[in-house]
C-alpha cells in the first residue's frame, strides 16, 4: 500500500520512512501487531472520512473469527484503510455479505474508547488474504441475517430492508395510500419507537396533515416566490403553497423523530420539501432537498 506514496518517500534522522501527515497520524492510532481475522462483510458501499488529500474508506462486518480457527463472534466491527482522493484505485473491494480472511491491526484501546464508550472491533486493514471463502459458521450467520423479516401490524405488513436499516410499508392517510419508512431499533429487528410516532400521527391524521402543510407554507412560501423565474408570475400565497404540495411520505427514525416529505409542484424546480418533527410532536424545520 505504501507504493502510493513513492514520490514523497523520505527518511528521517532515525532512518524511518516519512509518511504524509494524515497517513502517519492514522497509523499511529493502531497497534503494530498484525493478526488474521475471517469476517462476514455487511453491505458494502464506497465512502469514508476525508482528510486533506486522503480518503479513509470504511467497511463494516457482522461477525468474525480470530486466527486460523475458533468460534464465530457475533459482534459488528469496522475495517479501515487509506488512499489518495485523486486515485481511481480504491485498493480493496468487497461483495455484500462476502466472507474474507484479512490481515489487520487493531485500534489502540485509548483511542477507540477515550471515555469508556462501548466501541470495539475497529481495525486497520493491512491486506486481504483470501476472498469470498467458505466458512460454515459465518455462512450460518449470513443465512440468518438475510432471512426475510417483517412486522405484521393492524396497519399492514412492513418489510425490513437490512441495507438501509428500515422497515418499508404503506398506510392509509386520509383515504390515500402513502409510503412509510420506519427505522429499526438499534439492537433488534423491531421498530417500537418509530411505530409509536406513526400511531401518534395517524391518531389525528387530518390535524397533522393540516399542521405539517401550514408549517411548510409558513417557512418556505417566501423562498418559493424568490424561486419564480418570471417577474410577471403571480405571488404564491401560503394557503396556495399548502394546497399545492403533494406526494406525502413519512420516514421515522429509531428515536421517533420524523420527516414528512412532499413533492414541490415545481415551485422549487423539482426539489423535495421536507418537514421534520420530533417524537413529542413538535415541528422543528422545513427545507428543500434533492
C-alpha atoms as a PDB file:
ATOM      1  CA  UNK A   1       0.000   0.000   0.000  1.00  0.00           C
ATOM      2  CA  UNK A   2       2.864   2.355   0.701  1.00  0.00           C
ATOM      3  CA  UNK A   3       3.686   2.323  -3.019  1.00  0.00           C
ATOM      4  CA  UNK A   4       1.037   5.022  -3.286  1.00  0.00           C
ATOM      5  CA  UNK A   5       3.484   7.449  -1.740  1.00  0.00           C
ATOM      6  CA  UNK A   6       6.599   6.659  -3.765  1.00  0.00           C
ATOM      7  CA  UNK A   7       7.056  10.254  -4.906  1.00  0.00           C
ATOM      8  CA  UNK A   8       7.023  11.537  -1.337  1.00  0.00           C
ATOM      9  CA  UNK A   9       9.266   8.889   0.153  1.00  0.00           C
ATOM     10  CA  UNK A  10      11.699  10.453   2.580  1.00  0.00           C
ATOM     11  CA  UNK A  11      13.553   9.223   5.616  1.00  0.00           C
ATOM     12  CA  UNK A  12      14.054  10.991   8.922  1.00  0.00           C
ATOM     13  CA  UNK A  13      17.157  11.027  11.104  1.00  0.00           C
ATOM     14  CA  UNK A  14      16.340   7.586  12.530  1.00  0.00           C
ATOM     15  CA  UNK A  15      16.193   6.077   9.045  1.00  0.00           C
ATOM     16  CA  UNK A  16      12.426   5.534   9.115  1.00  0.00           C
ATOM     17  CA  UNK A  17      10.268   6.483   6.177  1.00  0.00           C
ATOM     18  CA  UNK A  18       8.338   9.732   6.489  1.00  0.00           C
ATOM     19  CA  UNK A  19       4.687   9.353   5.536  1.00  0.00           C
ATOM     20  CA  UNK A  20       2.255  12.139   4.681  1.00  0.00           C
ATOM     21  CA  UNK A  21       0.924  13.607   7.925  1.00  0.00           C
ATOM     22  CA  UNK A  22      -2.701  12.345   7.666  1.00  0.00           C
ATOM     23  CA  UNK A  23      -1.460   8.814   6.983  1.00  0.00           C
ATOM     24  CA  UNK A  24       1.118   8.903   9.766  1.00  0.00           C
ATOM     25  CA  UNK A  25      -1.491  10.078  12.284  1.00  0.00           C
ATOM     26  CA  UNK A  26      -3.901   7.418  11.080  1.00  0.00           C
ATOM     27  CA  UNK A  27      -1.378   4.605  11.506  1.00  0.00           C
ATOM     28  CA  UNK A  28      -0.396   5.850  14.976  1.00  0.00           C
ATOM     29  CA  UNK A  29      -3.925   5.044  16.129  1.00  0.00           C
ATOM     30  CA  UNK A  30      -3.386   1.311  15.583  1.00  0.00           C
ATOM     31  CA  UNK A  31      -1.315  -1.377  17.287  1.00  0.00           C
ATOM     32  CA  UNK A  32       1.798  -2.565  15.453  1.00  0.00           C
ATOM     33  CA  UNK A  33       0.926  -6.241  15.948  1.00  0.00           C
ATOM     34  CA  UNK A  34      -0.836  -7.829  12.989  1.00  0.00           C
ATOM     35  CA  UNK A  35      -3.461 -10.553  13.242  1.00  0.00           C
ATOM     36  CA  UNK A  36      -5.715 -12.585  10.981  1.00  0.00           C
ATOM     37  CA  UNK A  37      -9.490 -12.308  11.027  1.00  0.00           C
ATOM     38  CA  UNK A  38     -12.116 -14.025   8.942  1.00  0.00           C
ATOM     39  CA  UNK A  39     -15.029 -11.622   8.629  1.00  0.00           C
ATOM     40  CA  UNK A  40     -18.586 -11.620   7.293  1.00  0.00           C
ATOM     41  CA  UNK A  41     -18.951  -8.332   5.456  1.00  0.00           C
ATOM     42  CA  UNK A  42     -22.134  -6.306   5.823  1.00  0.00           C
ATOM     43  CA  UNK A  43     -23.473  -4.260   2.903  1.00  0.00           C
ATOM     44  CA  UNK A  44     -20.507  -2.783   1.042  1.00  0.00           C
ATOM     45  CA  UNK A  45     -20.594   0.811  -0.122  1.00  0.00           C
ATOM     46  CA  UNK A  46     -17.787   3.161  -1.047  1.00  0.00           C
ATOM     47  CA  UNK A  47     -17.260   6.050   1.329  1.00  0.00           C
ATOM     48  CA  UNK A  48     -15.179   7.157   4.266  1.00  0.00           C
ATOM     49  CA  UNK A  49     -13.597  10.000   6.149  1.00  0.00           C
ATOM     50  CA  UNK A  50     -11.799  12.696   4.172  1.00  0.00           C
ATOM     51  CA  UNK A  51      -8.709  14.428   5.464  1.00  0.00           C
ATOM     52  CA  UNK A  52      -6.602  16.602   3.205  1.00  0.00           C
ATOM     53  CA  UNK A  53      -5.664  14.721   0.060  1.00  0.00           C
ATOM     54  CA  UNK A  54      -6.593  11.382   1.595  1.00  0.00           C
ATOM     55  CA  UNK A  55      -9.699   9.261   1.909  1.00  0.00           C
ATOM     56  CA  UNK A  56     -10.021   6.730   4.715  1.00  0.00           C
ATOM     57  CA  UNK A  57     -12.597   4.197   3.483  1.00  0.00           C
ATOM     58  CA  UNK A  58     -14.518   2.006   5.912  1.00  0.00           C
ATOM     59  CA  UNK A  59     -16.438  -1.234   5.561  1.00  0.00           C
ATOM     60  CA  UNK A  60     -18.469  -2.927   8.289  1.00  0.00           C
ATOM     61  CA  UNK A  61     -18.643  -6.588   9.194  1.00  0.00           C
ATOM     62  CA  UNK A  62     -21.335  -8.539  11.042  1.00  0.00           C
ATOM     63  CA  UNK A  63     -19.284 -11.277  12.690  1.00  0.00           C
ATOM     64  CA  UNK A  64     -15.737 -12.623  12.754  1.00  0.00           C
ATOM     65  CA  UNK A  65     -13.410 -15.474  13.648  1.00  0.00           C
ATOM     66  CA  UNK A  66      -9.965 -14.784  15.068  1.00  0.00           C
ATOM     67  CA  UNK A  67      -6.918 -16.601  13.753  1.00  0.00           C
ATOM     68  CA  UNK A  68      -6.932 -19.791  11.724  1.00  0.00           C
ATOM     69  CA  UNK A  69      -9.785 -21.387  13.670  1.00  0.00           C
ATOM     70  CA  UNK A  70     -12.122 -20.742  16.541  1.00  0.00           C
ATOM     71  CA  UNK A  71     -15.671 -19.832  17.280  1.00  0.00           C
ATOM     72  CA  UNK A  72     -17.541 -17.169  15.370  1.00  0.00           C
ATOM     73  CA  UNK A  73     -18.129 -13.989  17.352  1.00  0.00           C
ATOM     74  CA  UNK A  74     -21.422 -12.240  16.559  1.00  0.00           C
ATOM     75  CA  UNK A  75     -20.158  -8.720  17.008  1.00  0.00           C
ATOM     76  CA  UNK A  76     -20.097  -5.946  14.457  1.00  0.00           C
ATOM     77  CA  UNK A  77     -16.852  -4.261  13.542  1.00  0.00           C
ATOM     78  CA  UNK A  78     -15.135  -1.963  11.082  1.00  0.00           C
ATOM     79  CA  UNK A  79     -12.223  -2.236   8.673  1.00  0.00           C
ATOM     80  CA  UNK A  80     -10.499   0.979   7.603  1.00  0.00           C
ATOM     81  CA  UNK A  81      -7.642   1.839   5.266  1.00  0.00           C
ATOM     82  CA  UNK A  82      -6.322   4.843   3.315  1.00  0.00           C
ATOM     83  CA  UNK A  83      -5.932   6.051  -0.250  1.00  0.00           C
ATOM     84  CA  UNK A  84      -5.372   9.247  -2.155  1.00  0.00           C
ATOM     85  CA  UNK A  85      -8.590  11.071  -3.034  1.00  0.00           C
ATOM     86  CA  UNK A  86      -7.239  11.647  -6.529  1.00  0.00           C
ATOM     87  CA  UNK A  87      -6.624   7.940  -7.097  1.00  0.00           C
ATOM     88  CA  UNK A  88      -9.056   5.782  -9.059  1.00  0.00           C
ATOM     89  CA  UNK A  89      -7.721   2.761  -7.185  1.00  0.00           C
ATOM     90  CA  UNK A  90      -9.907   2.036  -4.160  1.00  0.00           C
ATOM     91  CA  UNK A  91      -7.299  -0.576  -3.147  1.00  0.00           C
ATOM     92  CA  UNK A  92      -9.740  -3.004  -1.508  1.00  0.00           C
ATOM     93  CA  UNK A  93     -13.153  -4.119  -2.731  1.00  0.00           C
ATOM     94  CA  UNK A  94     -15.752  -6.378  -1.171  1.00  0.00           C
ATOM     95  CA  UNK A  95     -19.053  -8.020  -2.044  1.00  0.00           C
ATOM     96  CA  UNK A  96     -22.167  -7.665   0.082  1.00  0.00           C
ATOM     97  CA  UNK A  97     -22.214 -10.450   2.694  1.00  0.00           C
ATOM     98  CA  UNK A  98     -18.964 -11.928   1.399  1.00  0.00           C
ATOM     99  CA  UNK A  99     -16.591 -13.800   3.694  1.00  0.00           C
ATOM    100  CA  UNK A 100     -12.931 -12.738   3.694  1.00  0.00           C
ATOM    101  CA  UNK A 101      -9.752 -13.544   5.571  1.00  0.00           C
ATOM    102  CA  UNK A 102      -7.881 -10.325   6.267  1.00  0.00           C
ATOM    103  CA  UNK A 103      -4.687  -9.170   7.906  1.00  0.00           C
ATOM    104  CA  UNK A 104      -5.389  -6.329  10.332  1.00  0.00           C
ATOM    105  CA  UNK A 105      -4.041  -4.146  13.112  1.00  0.00           C
ATOM    106  CA  UNK A 106      -6.416  -3.311  15.941  1.00  0.00           C
ATOM    107  CA  UNK A 107      -7.082   0.270  17.020  1.00  0.00           C
ATOM    108  CA  UNK A 108      -5.427   1.199  20.317  1.00  0.00           C
ATOM    109  CA  UNK A 109      -7.861   0.973  23.272  1.00  0.00           C
ATOM    110  CA  UNK A 110      -7.272   4.537  24.419  1.00  0.00           C
ATOM    111  CA  UNK A 111      -8.240   5.909  21.022  1.00  0.00           C
ATOM    112  CA  UNK A 112     -11.156   3.547  20.459  1.00  0.00           C
ATOM    113  CA  UNK A 113     -12.668   4.140  23.906  1.00  0.00           C
ATOM    114  CA  UNK A 114     -11.372   7.522  25.128  1.00  0.00           C
ATOM    115  CA  UNK A 115     -14.133   7.908  27.730  1.00  0.00           C
ATOM    116  CA  UNK A 116     -15.120   4.315  28.221  1.00  0.00           C
ATOM    117  CA  UNK A 117     -17.635   4.217  25.370  1.00  0.00           C
ATOM    118  CA  UNK A 118     -18.583   0.651  24.381  1.00  0.00           C
ATOM    119  CA  UNK A 119     -16.927   0.658  20.967  1.00  0.00           C
ATOM    120  CA  UNK A 120     -14.595  -2.073  19.809  1.00  0.00           C
ATOM    121  CA  UNK A 121     -13.581  -4.167  16.820  1.00  0.00           C
ATOM    122  CA  UNK A 122     -12.138  -1.311  14.767  1.00  0.00           C
ATOM    123  CA  UNK A 123      -9.208  -2.378  12.583  1.00  0.00           C
ATOM    124  CA  UNK A 124      -6.728  -1.040  10.063  1.00  0.00           C
ATOM    125  CA  UNK A 125      -6.928  -3.331   7.042  1.00  0.00           C
ATOM    126  CA  UNK A 126      -3.379  -4.215   6.004  1.00  0.00           C
ATOM    127  CA  UNK A 127      -4.405  -6.590   3.212  1.00  0.00           C
ATOM    128  CA  UNK A 128      -6.989  -9.111   2.083  1.00  0.00           C
ATOM    129  CA  UNK A 129      -5.560 -12.628   2.298  1.00  0.00           C
ATOM    130  CA  UNK A 130      -8.459 -14.659   0.866  1.00  0.00           C
ATOM    131  CA  UNK A 131     -11.620 -13.532  -0.909  1.00  0.00           C
ATOM    132  CA  UNK A 132     -15.127 -14.990  -0.918  1.00  0.00           C
ATOM    133  CA  UNK A 133     -14.232 -18.083   1.061  1.00  0.00           C
ATOM    134  CA  UNK A 134     -16.455 -20.805   2.531  1.00  0.00           C
ATOM    135  CA  UNK A 135     -16.790 -20.747   6.308  1.00  0.00           C
ATOM    136  CA  UNK A 136     -19.733 -22.720   7.775  1.00  0.00           C
ATOM    137  CA  UNK A 137     -20.102 -20.706  10.991  1.00  0.00           C
ATOM    138  CA  UNK A 138     -20.210 -17.371   9.208  1.00  0.00           C
ATOM    139  CA  UNK A 139     -22.379 -18.772   6.418  1.00  0.00           C
ATOM    140  CA  UNK A 140     -24.966 -19.761   9.038  1.00  0.00           C
ATOM    141  CA  UNK A 141     -24.933 -16.247  10.497  1.00  0.00           C
ATOM    142  CA  UNK A 142     -25.306 -14.811   6.998  1.00  0.00           C
ATOM    143  CA  UNK A 143     -28.275 -17.066   6.280  1.00  0.00           C
ATOM    144  CA  UNK A 144     -29.998 -15.966   9.489  1.00  0.00           C
ATOM    145  CA  UNK A 145     -29.216 -12.301   8.824  1.00  0.00           C
ATOM    146  CA  UNK A 146     -30.620 -12.378   5.298  1.00  0.00           C
ATOM    147  CA  UNK A 147     -33.799 -14.217   6.228  1.00  0.00           C
ATOM    148  CA  UNK A 148     -36.794 -12.003   5.345  1.00  0.00           C
ATOM    149  CA  UNK A 149     -38.119 -10.131   8.375  1.00  0.00           C
ATOM    150  CA  UNK A 150     -41.478  -8.413   8.598  1.00  0.00           C
ATOM    151  CA  UNK A 151     -43.693  -6.792  11.177  1.00  0.00           C
ATOM    152  CA  UNK A 152     -47.383  -7.569  10.832  1.00  0.00           C
ATOM    153  CA  UNK A 153     -49.424  -4.816  12.381  1.00  0.00           C
ATOM    154  CA  UNK A 154     -53.023  -3.584  12.289  1.00  0.00           C
ATOM    155  CA  UNK A 155     -51.746  -1.023   9.796  1.00  0.00           C
ATOM    156  CA  UNK A 156     -50.374  -3.675   7.445  1.00  0.00           C
ATOM    157  CA  UNK A 157     -47.140  -5.561   6.799  1.00  0.00           C
ATOM    158  CA  UNK A 158     -43.781  -3.788   6.985  1.00  0.00           C
ATOM    159  CA  UNK A 159     -40.707  -5.493   5.478  1.00  0.00           C
ATOM    160  CA  UNK A 160     -37.171  -4.959   6.721  1.00  0.00           C
ATOM    161  CA  UNK A 161     -34.590  -3.654   4.248  1.00  0.00           C
ATOM    162  CA  UNK A 162     -31.347  -4.532   6.018  1.00  0.00           C
ATOM    163  CA  UNK A 163     -29.178  -2.484   3.692  1.00  0.00           C
ATOM    164  CA  UNK A 164     -30.803   0.722   4.899  1.00  0.00           C
ATOM    165  CA  UNK A 165     -31.914  -0.475   8.330  1.00  0.00           C
ATOM    166  CA  UNK A 166     -35.581   0.353   7.949  1.00  0.00           C
ATOM    167  CA  UNK A 167     -38.970  -1.291   7.528  1.00  0.00           C
ATOM    168  CA  UNK A 168     -40.913  -0.360   4.406  1.00  0.00           C
ATOM    169  CA  UNK A 169     -44.684  -0.292   4.259  1.00  0.00           C
ATOM    170  CA  UNK A 170     -47.798   1.632   3.303  1.00  0.00           C
ATOM    171  CA  UNK A 171     -50.529   3.311   5.317  1.00  0.00           C
ATOM    172  CA  UNK A 172     -53.941   4.800   4.653  1.00  0.00           C
ATOM    173  CA  UNK A 173     -53.577   8.574   5.068  1.00  0.00           C
ATOM    174  CA  UNK A 174     -56.850  10.452   4.638  1.00  0.00           C
ATOM    175  CA  UNK A 175     -58.106   7.891   2.164  1.00  0.00           C
ATOM    176  CA  UNK A 176     -54.901   7.711   0.130  1.00  0.00           C
ATOM    177  CA  UNK A 177     -52.070   5.170   0.217  1.00  0.00           C
ATOM    178  CA  UNK A 178     -48.799   6.655   1.426  1.00  0.00           C
ATOM    179  CA  UNK A 179     -45.377   5.051   1.807  1.00  0.00           C
ATOM    180  CA  UNK A 180     -43.660   4.872   5.192  1.00  0.00           C
ATOM    181  CA  UNK A 181     -40.092   4.051   6.239  1.00  0.00           C
ATOM    182  CA  UNK A 182     -39.626   3.017   9.869  1.00  0.00           C
ATOM    183  CA  UNK A 183     -36.027   2.780  11.132  1.00  0.00           C
ATOM    184  CA  UNK A 184     -35.339  -0.425  13.026  1.00  0.00           C
ATOM    185  CA  UNK A 185     -34.365  -0.299  16.682  1.00  0.00           C
ATOM    186  CA  UNK A 186     -30.619  -0.425  17.278  1.00  0.00           C
ATOM    187  CA  UNK A 187     -30.300  -3.888  18.781  1.00  0.00           C
ATOM    188  CA  UNK A 188     -33.282  -5.829  17.457  1.00  0.00           C
ATOM    189  CA  UNK A 189     -35.419  -6.346  14.383  1.00  0.00           C
ATOM    190  CA  UNK A 190     -38.216  -4.195  15.768  1.00  0.00           C
ATOM    191  CA  UNK A 191     -39.290  -0.591  15.271  1.00  0.00           C
ATOM    192  CA  UNK A 192     -41.049   0.286  18.515  1.00  0.00           C
ATOM    193  CA  UNK A 193     -40.039   3.953  18.667  1.00  0.00           C
ATOM    194  CA  UNK A 194     -40.950   4.529  15.019  1.00  0.00           C
ATOM    195  CA  UNK A 195     -44.320   2.807  15.385  1.00  0.00           C
ATOM    196  CA  UNK A 196     -45.143   4.909  18.433  1.00  0.00           C
ATOM    197  CA  UNK A 197     -44.709   8.099  16.403  1.00  0.00           C
ATOM    198  CA  UNK A 198     -46.572   6.638  13.441  1.00  0.00           C
ATOM    199  CA  UNK A 199     -49.589   5.876  15.645  1.00  0.00           C
ATOM    200  CA  UNK A 200     -49.385   9.398  17.076  1.00  0.00           C
ATOM    201  CA  UNK A 201     -49.628  10.841  13.559  1.00  0.00           C
ATOM    202  CA  UNK A 202     -52.409   8.504  12.485  1.00  0.00           C
ATOM    203  CA  UNK A 203     -54.480   9.140  15.631  1.00  0.00           C
ATOM    204  CA  UNK A 204     -55.438  12.513  14.144  1.00  0.00           C
ATOM    205  CA  UNK A 205     -54.221  12.425  10.553  1.00  0.00           C
ATOM    206  CA  UNK A 206     -56.405  15.327   9.451  1.00  0.00           C
ATOM    207  CA  UNK A 207     -54.976  17.614  12.131  1.00  0.00           C
ATOM    208  CA  UNK A 208     -51.414  16.538  11.378  1.00  0.00           C
ATOM    209  CA  UNK A 209     -51.811  16.886   7.627  1.00  0.00           C
ATOM    210  CA  UNK A 210     -53.026  20.462   8.067  1.00  0.00           C
ATOM    211  CA  UNK A 211     -50.401  21.283  10.686  1.00  0.00           C
ATOM    212  CA  UNK A 212     -47.474  19.996   8.617  1.00  0.00           C
ATOM    213  CA  UNK A 213     -48.637  21.687   5.429  1.00  0.00           C
ATOM    214  CA  UNK A 214     -49.215  25.027   7.145  1.00  0.00           C
ATOM    215  CA  UNK A 215     -45.814  24.833   8.823  1.00  0.00           C
ATOM    216  CA  UNK A 216     -44.109  24.173   5.475  1.00  0.00           C
ATOM    217  CA  UNK A 217     -46.007  27.074   3.918  1.00  0.00           C
ATOM    218  CA  UNK A 218     -45.067  29.471   6.719  1.00  0.00           C
ATOM    219  CA  UNK A 219     -41.393  28.542   6.431  1.00  0.00           C
ATOM    220  CA  UNK A 220     -40.978  28.279   2.666  1.00  0.00           C
ATOM    221  CA  UNK A 221     -43.528  30.420   0.790  1.00  0.00           C
ATOM    222  CA  UNK A 222     -41.239  33.454   0.657  1.00  0.00           C
ATOM    223  CA  UNK A 223     -38.459  31.277  -0.710  1.00  0.00           C
ATOM    224  CA  UNK A 224     -40.847  29.822  -3.291  1.00  0.00           C
ATOM    225  CA  UNK A 225     -41.603  33.322  -4.551  1.00  0.00           C
ATOM    226  CA  UNK A 226     -37.888  34.055  -4.802  1.00  0.00           C
ATOM    227  CA  UNK A 227     -37.504  30.952  -6.988  1.00  0.00           C
ATOM    228  CA  UNK A 228     -40.065  32.054  -9.563  1.00  0.00           C
ATOM    229  CA  UNK A 229     -38.481  32.563 -12.989  1.00  0.00           C
ATOM    230  CA  UNK A 230     -40.734  35.289 -14.270  1.00  0.00           C
ATOM    231  CA  UNK A 231     -41.163  38.719 -12.720  1.00  0.00           C
ATOM    232  CA  UNK A 232     -44.729  38.681 -14.037  1.00  0.00           C
ATOM    233  CA  UNK A 233     -45.608  35.478 -12.158  1.00  0.00           C
ATOM    234  CA  UNK A 234     -48.339  35.925  -9.583  1.00  0.00           C
ATOM    235  CA  UNK A 235     -47.295  35.839  -5.951  1.00  0.00           C
ATOM    236  CA  UNK A 236     -47.709  32.490  -4.202  1.00  0.00           C
ATOM    237  CA  UNK A 237     -49.737  32.772  -1.011  1.00  0.00           C
ATOM    238  CA  UNK A 238     -49.252  30.494   1.985  1.00  0.00           C
ATOM    239  CA  UNK A 239     -52.667  28.909   1.530  1.00  0.00           C
ATOM    240  CA  UNK A 240     -51.875  28.129  -2.102  1.00  0.00           C
ATOM    241  CA  UNK A 241     -48.471  26.715  -1.142  1.00  0.00           C
ATOM    242  CA  UNK A 242     -50.077  24.452   1.454  1.00  0.00           C
ATOM    243  CA  UNK A 243     -52.560  23.100  -1.080  1.00  0.00           C
ATOM    244  CA  UNK A 244     -50.070  22.622  -3.919  1.00  0.00           C
ATOM    245  CA  UNK A 245     -47.556  20.384  -2.167  1.00  0.00           C
ATOM    246  CA  UNK A 246     -48.364  16.683  -2.501  1.00  0.00           C
ATOM    247  CA  UNK A 247     -46.951  13.166  -2.669  1.00  0.00           C
ATOM    248  CA  UNK A 248     -46.648  12.897   1.110  1.00  0.00           C
ATOM    249  CA  UNK A 249     -44.475  10.107   2.566  1.00  0.00           C
ATOM    250  CA  UNK A 250     -43.006   9.581   6.017  1.00  0.00           C
ATOM    251  CA  UNK A 251     -39.627   8.486   7.358  1.00  0.00           C
ATOM    252  CA  UNK A 252     -39.473   7.908  11.118  1.00  0.00           C
ATOM    253  CA  UNK A 253     -36.159   7.206  12.847  1.00  0.00           C
ATOM    254  CA  UNK A 254     -35.311   4.907  15.756  1.00  0.00           C
ATOM    255  CA  UNK A 255     -35.828   7.712  18.278  1.00  0.00           C
ATOM    256  CA  UNK A 256     -39.286   8.582  16.994  1.00  0.00           C
ATOM    257  CA  UNK A 257     -38.374  11.757  15.119  1.00  0.00           C
ATOM    258  CA  UNK A 258     -39.976  12.013  11.713  1.00  0.00           C
ATOM    259  CA  UNK A 259     -39.679  13.532   8.263  1.00  0.00           C
ATOM    260  CA  UNK A 260     -42.713  14.320   6.145  1.00  0.00           C
ATOM    261  CA  UNK A 261     -41.664  14.538   2.501  1.00  0.00           C
ATOM    262  CA  UNK A 262     -43.702  16.321  -0.190  1.00  0.00           C
ATOM    263  CA  UNK A 263     -43.194  16.980  -3.876  1.00  0.00           C
ATOM    264  CA  UNK A 264     -42.958  20.690  -4.637  1.00  0.00           C
ATOM    265  CA  UNK A 265     -45.335  21.044  -7.625  1.00  0.00           C
ATOM    266  CA  UNK A 266     -42.361  22.656  -9.436  1.00  0.00           C
ATOM    267  CA  UNK A 267     -42.164  25.594  -7.037  1.00  0.00           C
ATOM    268  CA  UNK A 268     -38.521  24.621  -6.385  1.00  0.00           C
ATOM    269  CA  UNK A 269     -37.690  23.069  -9.757  1.00  0.00           C
ATOM    270  CA  UNK A 270     -38.479  19.547  -8.617  1.00  0.00           C
ATOM    271  CA  UNK A 271     -36.803  19.534  -5.189  1.00  0.00           C
ATOM    272  CA  UNK A 272     -38.408  17.693  -2.295  1.00  0.00           C
ATOM    273  CA  UNK A 273     -39.945  19.603   0.586  1.00  0.00           C
ATOM    274  CA  UNK A 274     -39.010  18.040   3.921  1.00  0.00           C
ATOM    275  CA  UNK A 275     -40.669  18.902   7.241  1.00  0.00           C
ATOM    276  CA  UNK A 276     -39.007  17.489  10.358  1.00  0.00           C
ATOM    277  CA  UNK A 277     -40.605  16.873  13.746  1.00  0.00           C
ATOM    278  CA  UNK A 278     -39.705  15.095  16.969  1.00  0.00           C
ATOM    279  CA  UNK A 279     -41.347  12.318  18.955  1.00  0.00           C
ATOM    280  CA  UNK A 280     -43.170  14.869  21.126  1.00  0.00           C
ATOM    281  CA  UNK A 281     -44.998  16.208  18.088  1.00  0.00           C
ATOM    282  CA  UNK A 282     -43.029  19.444  17.804  1.00  0.00           C
ATOM    283  CA  UNK A 283     -42.233  20.560  14.262  1.00  0.00           C
ATOM    284  CA  UNK A 284     -38.586  21.546  14.060  1.00  0.00           C
ATOM    285  CA  UNK A 285     -37.723  22.591  10.497  1.00  0.00           C
ATOM    286  CA  UNK A 286     -38.813  22.766   6.868  1.00  0.00           C
ATOM    287  CA  UNK A 287     -36.396  22.765   3.976  1.00  0.00           C
ATOM    288  CA  UNK A 288     -35.910  21.722   0.370  1.00  0.00           C
ATOM    289  CA  UNK A 289     -33.733  18.765  -0.585  1.00  0.00           C
ATOM    290  CA  UNK A 290     -32.710  16.741  -3.586  1.00  0.00           C
END
